[in-house]
Amino acid sequence: MGAGMALTTITNALYIHAIAAPLFFIVISFNYFKKYNHLSPIKTAVLFVAFVIFVDFFVVALLINRNLEMFSNILGTWIPFILIFISTYATGRIITHKRP
C-alpha cells in the first residue's frame, strides 16, 4: 500500500490492493495445498486471514500508523480480508478436490 500511495492516488492504490491481495494469496495457498496441505481449506483460510489481520493490527496500525483509522476503510481493509479468505478457501477446495 505504501508504494501504491506514492505512485498513484489513494483510491487507485486501494483498488489495486483489493485486487492484488487475493491474487497474492491464491499463489500462496496454491503452493501450500500442493506441498503441505496439513489443514482443511476452511482452516487454512481462517489461519491466513487471521495472520493478515494480526499483522495489519499490530504492525501496520499500531506501530507504523499509530492509529486504528485504517480499519474504518471498507475498501482498504475489510474487502481485502474477505477476498483473501475466499481466494484461499476456493483454491484449497479446488486443489484438494483434484487429489485422488
Protein backbone atom coordinates (compact mmCIF):
# COMPACT_ATOMS: atom_id res chain seq x y z
CA MET A 1 0.00 0.00 0.00
CA GLY A 2 2.80 2.42 0.82
CA ALA A 3 4.37 2.11 -2.60
CA GLY A 4 0.98 2.35 -4.30
CA MET A 5 0.13 5.56 -2.48
CA ALA A 6 3.48 7.05 -3.52
CA LEU A 7 2.89 6.22 -7.18
CA THR A 8 -0.82 6.91 -7.63
CA THR A 9 -3.89 8.27 -5.86
CA ILE A 10 -5.12 6.72 -2.63
CA THR A 11 -8.27 5.48 -4.39
CA ASN A 12 -6.29 3.73 -7.12
CA ALA A 13 -3.94 2.24 -4.53
CA LEU A 14 -6.92 0.86 -2.59
CA TYR A 15 -8.39 -0.74 -5.72
CA ILE A 16 -5.02 -2.24 -6.67
CA HIS A 17 -4.64 -3.55 -3.12
CA ALA A 18 -8.12 -5.07 -3.16
CA ILE A 19 -7.28 -6.90 -6.41
CA ALA A 20 -3.66 -7.82 -5.67
CA ALA A 21 -4.16 -9.19 -2.15
CA PRO A 22 -6.40 -12.13 -3.12
CA LEU A 23 -4.25 -12.86 -6.18
CA PHE A 24 -1.17 -12.99 -3.95
CA PHE A 25 -2.97 -15.38 -1.59
CA ILE A 26 -4.10 -17.59 -4.48
CA VAL A 27 -0.42 -18.13 -5.27
CA ILE A 28 0.49 -18.71 -1.61
CA SER A 29 -2.40 -21.08 -0.96
CA PHE A 30 -1.84 -22.95 -4.24
CA ASN A 31 1.73 -23.65 -3.16
CA TYR A 32 0.64 -24.54 0.37
CA PHE A 33 -2.01 -27.02 -0.77
CA LYS A 34 0.30 -28.59 -3.37
CA LYS A 35 3.26 -29.02 -1.00
CA TYR A 36 1.88 -29.36 2.53
CA ASN A 37 -1.91 -29.48 2.79
CA HIS A 38 -1.93 -30.13 6.55
CA LEU A 39 -5.15 -28.21 7.18
CA SER A 40 -8.55 -28.18 5.53
CA PRO A 41 -9.34 -25.31 3.14
CA ILE A 42 -11.56 -23.58 5.73
CA LYS A 43 -8.93 -23.81 8.48
CA THR A 44 -6.23 -22.60 6.13
CA ALA A 45 -8.35 -19.66 5.00
CA VAL A 46 -9.07 -18.70 8.63
CA LEU A 47 -5.38 -19.01 9.54
CA PHE A 48 -4.19 -16.96 6.55
CA VAL A 49 -6.69 -14.15 7.07
CA ALA A 50 -6.06 -14.17 10.84
CA PHE A 51 -2.35 -13.70 10.14
CA VAL A 52 -3.07 -10.76 7.84
CA ILE A 53 -5.41 -9.17 10.40
CA PHE A 54 -2.80 -9.70 13.13
CA VAL A 55 -0.05 -8.05 11.07
CA ASP A 56 -2.34 -5.22 9.95
CA PHE A 57 -3.43 -4.54 13.52
CA PHE A 58 -0.16 -4.83 15.42
CA VAL A 59 2.42 -3.82 12.82
CA VAL A 60 0.66 -1.51 10.36
CA ALA A 61 -1.97 0.14 12.56
CA LEU A 62 -0.23 0.31 15.93
CA LEU A 63 3.47 0.52 15.06
CA ILE A 64 3.52 2.27 11.69
CA ASN A 65 0.34 4.38 11.54
CA ARG A 66 -0.08 4.68 15.33
CA ASN A 67 -3.86 4.70 14.98
CA LEU A 68 -6.67 2.35 14.02
CA GLU A 69 -8.17 4.58 11.33
CA MET A 70 -7.31 2.10 8.58
CA PHE A 71 -9.96 -0.28 9.91
CA SER A 72 -12.69 2.25 9.18
CA ASN A 73 -11.97 1.97 5.45
CA ILE A 74 -14.00 -0.87 3.95
CA LEU A 75 -12.12 -0.93 0.64
CA GLY A 76 -8.72 -0.71 2.34
CA THR A 77 -9.12 -3.47 4.91
CA TRP A 78 -12.37 -5.39 5.09
CA ILE A 79 -12.85 -6.16 1.40
CA PRO A 80 -9.26 -7.44 1.05
CA PHE A 81 -9.73 -9.56 4.22
CA ILE A 82 -12.89 -11.11 2.77
CA LEU A 83 -11.29 -11.66 -0.64
CA ILE A 84 -8.19 -13.22 0.94
CA PHE A 85 -10.44 -15.64 2.83
CA ILE A 86 -12.50 -16.50 -0.26
CA SER A 87 -9.49 -16.91 -2.55
CA THR A 88 -7.64 -19.13 -0.06
CA TYR A 89 -10.69 -21.25 0.63
CA ALA A 90 -11.59 -21.61 -3.06
CA THR A 91 -8.02 -22.51 -4.01
CA GLY A 92 -7.93 -25.12 -1.27
CA ARG A 93 -11.23 -26.62 -2.37
CA ILE A 94 -10.08 -26.81 -5.98
CA ILE A 95 -6.65 -28.29 -5.20
CA THR A 96 -7.84 -30.79 -2.60
CA HIS A 97 -10.81 -31.84 -4.73
CA LYS A 98 -8.50 -32.87 -7.59
CA ARG A 99 -6.42 -35.15 -5.38
CA PRO A 100 -7.11 -38.89 -5.50
